[in-house]
Amino acid sequence: MVLEMSGNIRMGPDCQRIFQEVDQLAGKNQNRLIFDFSAVDYLDSAGIGTLVSCLTKIKNSGGEMRLAGLKPMVAGVFKLTKIDTIIGIFPTVAEALRNFSSPPRA
């Protein structure tokens, strides 16, 4: 499942909406997610926290999560916070898809 993000991801409704969507998908056993960040211009610390919470939720449901298409400024935030060491980051959605370890669980 590819979730297309856009604009700014910051504290408040943006983060709540993202986590709710991931929570619903995990509940439906759709637990292989790629966040397409190609249209995201800004991400604050609450956005990072939300993505880490999403990663935890997905991993606890037996799934995997990837990020793709990060712009340099957003990629820099992930590198600075070292989140890039726990969440797989790929240049494109296609490369992120190829990186999943095995077929999805039923």
N, C-alpha and C. Protein backbone atom coordinates (compact mmCIF):
# COMPACT_ATOMS: atom_id res chain seq x y z
N MET A 1 0.85 -1.17 0.00
CA MET A 1 0.00 0.00 0.00
C MET A 1 0.89 1.23 0.00
N VAL A 2 0.63 2.14 -0.91
CA VAL A 2 1.38 3.40 -0.99
C VAL A 2 0.50 4.52 -0.46
N LEU A 3 1.02 5.24 0.53
CA LEU A 3 0.33 6.40 1.07
C LEU A 3 1.03 7.64 0.54
N GLU A 4 0.32 8.43 -0.25
CA GLU A 4 0.91 9.62 -0.84
C GLU A 4 0.74 10.79 0.11
N MET A 5 1.86 11.34 0.55
CA MET A 5 1.87 12.48 1.46
C MET A 5 2.11 13.74 0.63
N SER A 6 1.64 14.89 1.13
CA SER A 6 1.91 16.13 0.42
C SER A 6 1.91 17.31 1.39
N GLY A 7 2.56 18.39 0.95
CA GLY A 7 2.57 19.62 1.73
C GLY A 7 3.47 19.53 2.95
N ASN A 8 2.93 19.97 4.08
CA ASN A 8 3.65 19.98 5.34
C ASN A 8 3.05 18.96 6.29
N ILE A 9 3.91 18.27 7.01
CA ILE A 9 3.45 17.32 8.02
C ILE A 9 3.90 17.88 9.37
N ARG A 10 2.93 18.34 10.14
CA ARG A 10 3.26 18.97 11.42
C ARG A 10 2.22 18.60 12.48
N MET A 11 2.55 18.99 13.71
CA MET A 11 1.71 18.65 14.85
C MET A 11 0.25 19.01 14.60
N GLY A 12 -0.63 18.18 15.09
CA GLY A 12 -2.05 18.45 14.98
C GLY A 12 -2.75 17.51 14.03
N PRO A 13 -3.69 18.04 13.26
CA PRO A 13 -4.52 17.19 12.39
C PRO A 13 -3.72 16.36 11.39
N ASP A 14 -2.60 16.91 10.87
CA ASP A 14 -1.79 16.16 9.90
C ASP A 14 -1.34 14.84 10.52
N CYS A 15 -0.74 14.93 11.69
CA CYS A 15 -0.20 13.73 12.35
C CYS A 15 -1.31 12.77 12.78
N GLN A 16 -2.39 13.33 13.29
CA GLN A 16 -3.51 12.48 13.71
C GLN A 16 -4.08 11.69 12.54
N ARG A 17 -4.22 12.37 11.41
CA ARG A 17 -4.79 11.73 10.22
C ARG A 17 -3.88 10.59 9.73
N ILE A 18 -2.58 10.84 9.74
CA ILE A 18 -1.63 9.81 9.30
C ILE A 18 -1.71 8.59 10.20
N PHE A 19 -1.66 8.80 11.53
CA PHE A 19 -1.69 7.65 12.43
C PHE A 19 -3.01 6.90 12.34
N GLN A 20 -4.12 7.62 12.22
CA GLN A 20 -5.42 6.95 12.10
C GLN A 20 -5.49 6.08 10.84
N GLU A 21 -4.95 6.60 9.75
CA GLU A 21 -4.94 5.84 8.50
C GLU A 21 -4.11 4.56 8.65
N VAL A 22 -2.93 4.69 9.24
CA VAL A 22 -2.07 3.52 9.44
C VAL A 22 -2.73 2.53 10.39
N ASP A 23 -3.37 3.03 11.44
CA ASP A 23 -4.05 2.16 12.39
C ASP A 23 -5.16 1.37 11.70
N GLN A 24 -5.92 2.03 10.84
CA GLN A 24 -6.99 1.34 10.10
C GLN A 24 -6.41 0.29 9.15
N LEU A 25 -5.34 0.65 8.44
CA LEU A 25 -4.73 -0.30 7.50
C LEU A 25 -4.17 -1.51 8.23
N ALA A 26 -3.52 -1.28 9.36
CA ALA A 26 -2.97 -2.40 10.15
C ALA A 26 -4.11 -3.30 10.62
N GLY A 27 -5.24 -2.71 10.98
CA GLY A 27 -6.40 -3.48 11.42
C GLY A 27 -6.98 -4.34 10.31
N LYS A 28 -6.74 -3.93 9.06
CA LYS A 28 -7.21 -4.70 7.90
C LYS A 28 -6.11 -5.61 7.36
N ASN A 29 -5.03 -5.76 8.11
CA ASN A 29 -3.87 -6.58 7.75
C ASN A 29 -3.17 -6.07 6.49
N GLN A 30 -3.30 -4.79 6.22
CA GLN A 30 -2.53 -4.16 5.13
C GLN A 30 -1.32 -3.52 5.80
N ASN A 31 -0.32 -4.35 6.03
CA ASN A 31 0.78 -3.91 6.89
C ASN A 31 2.13 -3.81 6.16
N ARG A 32 2.08 -3.60 4.88
CA ARG A 32 3.29 -3.30 4.10
C ARG A 32 3.07 -1.93 3.47
N LEU A 33 3.62 -0.92 4.12
CA LEU A 33 3.34 0.45 3.72
C LEU A 33 4.55 1.17 3.19
N ILE A 34 4.30 1.97 2.18
CA ILE A 34 5.30 2.90 1.66
C ILE A 34 4.70 4.29 1.74
N PHE A 35 5.39 5.17 2.42
CA PHE A 35 5.00 6.57 2.46
C PHE A 35 5.73 7.28 1.33
N ASP A 36 4.98 7.78 0.36
CA ASP A 36 5.56 8.52 -0.75
C ASP A 36 5.66 9.99 -0.34
N PHE A 37 6.88 10.44 -0.07
CA PHE A 37 7.14 11.79 0.41
C PHE A 37 7.55 12.75 -0.70
N SER A 38 7.37 12.38 -1.96
CA SER A 38 7.87 13.21 -3.06
C SER A 38 7.22 14.58 -3.11
N ALA A 39 6.05 14.75 -2.49
CA ALA A 39 5.38 16.05 -2.49
C ALA A 39 5.37 16.70 -1.10
N VAL A 40 6.21 16.20 -0.18
CA VAL A 40 6.28 16.77 1.17
C VAL A 40 7.42 17.79 1.21
N ASP A 41 7.09 18.99 1.68
CA ASP A 41 8.07 20.07 1.74
C ASP A 41 8.63 20.28 3.14
N TYR A 42 7.88 19.89 4.17
CA TYR A 42 8.29 20.18 5.54
C TYR A 42 7.77 19.10 6.48
N LEU A 43 8.57 18.79 7.47
CA LEU A 43 8.22 17.78 8.47
C LEU A 43 8.75 18.26 9.81
N ASP A 44 7.89 18.39 10.82
CA ASP A 44 8.38 18.82 12.12
C ASP A 44 8.61 17.61 13.04
N SER A 45 9.01 17.88 14.27
CA SER A 45 9.33 16.79 15.19
C SER A 45 8.11 15.93 15.51
N ALA A 46 6.93 16.53 15.51
CA ALA A 46 5.71 15.74 15.74
C ALA A 46 5.48 14.78 14.57
N GLY A 47 5.79 15.23 13.37
CA GLY A 47 5.68 14.36 12.20
C GLY A 47 6.63 13.18 12.29
N ILE A 48 7.84 13.44 12.74
CA ILE A 48 8.81 12.35 12.92
C ILE A 48 8.30 11.37 13.97
N GLY A 49 7.81 11.91 15.08
CA GLY A 49 7.26 11.04 16.14
C GLY A 49 6.11 10.20 15.64
N THR A 50 5.27 10.79 14.82
CA THR A 50 4.13 10.05 14.25
C THR A 50 4.62 8.92 13.37
N LEU A 51 5.62 9.17 12.56
CA LEU A 51 6.14 8.11 11.68
C LEU A 51 6.78 6.99 12.49
N VAL A 52 7.46 7.32 13.58
CA VAL A 52 8.03 6.28 14.44
C VAL A 52 6.90 5.47 15.08
N SER A 53 5.83 6.14 15.50
CA SER A 53 4.66 5.43 16.06
C SER A 53 4.03 4.52 15.00
N CYS A 54 3.96 5.01 13.77
CA CYS A 54 3.42 4.20 12.68
C CYS A 54 4.31 2.97 12.44
N LEU A 55 5.62 3.18 12.46
CA LEU A 55 6.54 2.06 12.28
C LEU A 55 6.33 1.01 13.36
N THR A 56 6.19 1.45 14.59
CA THR A 56 5.95 0.52 15.70
C THR A 56 4.65 -0.25 15.48
N LYS A 57 3.60 0.46 15.10
CA LYS A 57 2.30 -0.17 14.85
C LYS A 57 2.41 -1.22 13.75
N ILE A 58 3.06 -0.87 12.66
CA ILE A 58 3.20 -1.78 11.53
C ILE A 58 4.06 -2.99 11.90
N LYS A 59 5.18 -2.75 12.58
CA LYS A 59 6.03 -3.87 12.98
C LYS A 59 5.31 -4.80 13.94
N ASN A 60 4.53 -4.24 14.87
CA ASN A 60 3.77 -5.06 15.82
C ASN A 60 2.70 -5.90 15.13
N SER A 61 2.28 -5.47 13.95
CA SER A 61 1.29 -6.26 13.20
C SER A 61 1.97 -7.19 12.20
N GLY A 62 3.30 -7.31 12.29
CA GLY A 62 4.03 -8.22 11.43
C GLY A 62 4.40 -7.63 10.08
N GLY A 63 4.31 -6.33 9.95
CA GLY A 63 4.54 -5.70 8.66
C GLY A 63 5.85 -4.95 8.55
N GLU A 64 5.96 -4.22 7.45
CA GLU A 64 7.16 -3.44 7.14
C GLU A 64 6.73 -2.08 6.61
N MET A 65 7.57 -1.09 6.82
CA MET A 65 7.28 0.26 6.38
C MET A 65 8.51 0.86 5.71
N ARG A 66 8.29 1.62 4.63
CA ARG A 66 9.36 2.26 3.89
C ARG A 66 8.96 3.71 3.60
N LEU A 67 9.94 4.55 3.39
CA LEU A 67 9.73 5.92 2.93
C LEU A 67 10.36 6.06 1.56
N ALA A 68 9.75 6.86 0.71
CA ALA A 68 10.29 7.03 -0.65
C ALA A 68 10.15 8.48 -1.10
N GLY A 69 11.08 8.88 -1.97
CA GLY A 69 10.98 10.16 -2.65
C GLY A 69 11.19 11.39 -1.79
N LEU A 70 12.01 11.28 -0.75
CA LEU A 70 12.23 12.42 0.13
C LEU A 70 13.02 13.53 -0.55
N LYS A 71 12.54 14.76 -0.40
CA LYS A 71 13.27 15.93 -0.87
C LYS A 71 14.47 16.14 0.06
N PRO A 72 15.51 16.80 -0.42
CA PRO A 72 16.73 16.95 0.38
C PRO A 72 16.51 17.51 1.79
N MET A 73 15.67 18.51 1.94
CA MET A 73 15.45 19.09 3.27
C MET A 73 14.79 18.09 4.22
N VAL A 74 13.81 17.37 3.73
CA VAL A 74 13.13 16.37 4.55
C VAL A 74 14.08 15.20 4.84
N ALA A 75 14.84 14.77 3.85
CA ALA A 75 15.82 13.70 4.06
C ALA A 75 16.84 14.11 5.12
N GLY A 76 17.23 15.39 5.12
CA GLY A 76 18.17 15.88 6.11
C GLY A 76 17.65 15.77 7.53
N VAL A 77 16.35 15.98 7.71
CA VAL A 77 15.75 15.84 9.04
C VAL A 77 15.86 14.39 9.52
N PHE A 78 15.60 13.44 8.63
CA PHE A 78 15.69 12.03 9.00
C PHE A 78 17.14 11.63 9.31
N LYS A 79 18.07 12.19 8.57
CA LYS A 79 19.48 11.89 8.81
C LYS A 79 19.95 12.51 10.13
N LEU A 80 19.59 13.75 10.37
CA LEU A 80 19.98 14.45 11.59
C LEU A 80 19.47 13.75 12.84
N THR A 81 18.25 13.25 12.78
CA THR A 81 17.64 12.57 13.93
C THR A 81 17.98 11.08 13.98
N LYS A 82 18.68 10.61 12.96
CA LYS A 82 19.08 9.20 12.83
C LYS A 82 17.89 8.25 12.64
N ILE A 83 16.75 8.80 12.29
CA ILE A 83 15.59 7.96 11.99
C ILE A 83 15.85 7.13 10.74
N ASP A 84 16.74 7.63 9.89
CA ASP A 84 17.08 6.88 8.67
C ASP A 84 17.75 5.54 8.99
N THR A 85 18.15 5.34 10.24
CA THR A 85 18.75 4.05 10.62
C THR A 85 17.70 3.02 11.03
N ILE A 86 16.46 3.46 11.25
CA ILE A 86 15.42 2.50 11.66
C ILE A 86 14.28 2.36 10.65
N ILE A 87 14.17 3.33 9.74
CA ILE A 87 13.15 3.26 8.69
C ILE A 87 13.87 3.25 7.34
N GLY A 88 13.54 2.29 6.50
CA GLY A 88 14.16 2.23 5.18
C GLY A 88 13.72 3.40 4.32
N ILE A 89 14.69 4.10 3.73
CA ILE A 89 14.42 5.24 2.87
C ILE A 89 14.97 4.95 1.48
N PHE A 90 14.12 5.18 0.47
CA PHE A 90 14.47 4.85 -0.92
C PHE A 90 14.17 6.02 -1.83
N PRO A 91 14.92 6.14 -2.93
CA PRO A 91 14.73 7.26 -3.85
C PRO A 91 13.35 7.27 -4.52
N THR A 92 12.81 6.08 -4.78
CA THR A 92 11.51 6.00 -5.47
C THR A 92 10.62 4.96 -4.82
N VAL A 93 9.34 5.07 -5.11
CA VAL A 93 8.37 4.08 -4.62
C VAL A 93 8.70 2.71 -5.20
N ALA A 94 9.08 2.65 -6.46
CA ALA A 94 9.40 1.37 -7.11
C ALA A 94 10.54 0.67 -6.39
N GLU A 95 11.57 1.42 -6.02
CA GLU A 95 12.70 0.81 -5.30
C GLU A 95 12.27 0.36 -3.90
N ALA A 96 11.43 1.11 -3.26
CA ALA A 96 10.93 0.71 -1.94
C ALA A 96 10.11 -0.58 -2.04
N LEU A 97 9.29 -0.69 -3.09
CA LEU A 97 8.51 -1.90 -3.31
C LEU A 97 9.40 -3.12 -3.49
N ARG A 98 10.46 -2.96 -4.27
CA ARG A 98 11.38 -4.08 -4.51
C ARG A 98 12.11 -4.51 -3.25
N ASN A 99 12.19 -3.64 -2.26
CA ASN A 99 12.96 -3.93 -1.05
C ASN A 99 12.20 -4.78 -0.04
N PHE A 100 10.90 -4.91 -0.17
CA PHE A 100 10.18 -5.72 0.80
C PHE A 100 10.71 -7.15 0.78
N SER A 101 10.81 -7.73 1.97
CA SER A 101 11.54 -8.99 2.13
C SER A 101 10.82 -10.22 1.57
N SER A 102 9.52 -10.25 1.60
CA SER A 102 8.79 -11.44 1.15
C SER A 102 7.37 -11.04 0.80
N PRO A 103 6.61 -11.96 0.21
CA PRO A 103 5.22 -11.63 -0.10
C PRO A 103 4.45 -11.27 1.17
N PRO A 104 3.42 -10.43 1.06
CA PRO A 104 2.65 -10.06 2.25
C PRO A 104 1.97 -11.24 2.88
N ARG A 105 1.81 -11.15 4.20
CA ARG A 105 1.11 -12.20 4.91
C ARG A 105 -0.37 -12.08 4.71
N ALA A 106 -1.05 -13.20 4.61
CA ALA A 106 -2.51 -13.19 4.40
C ALA A 106 -3.25 -12.97 5.70
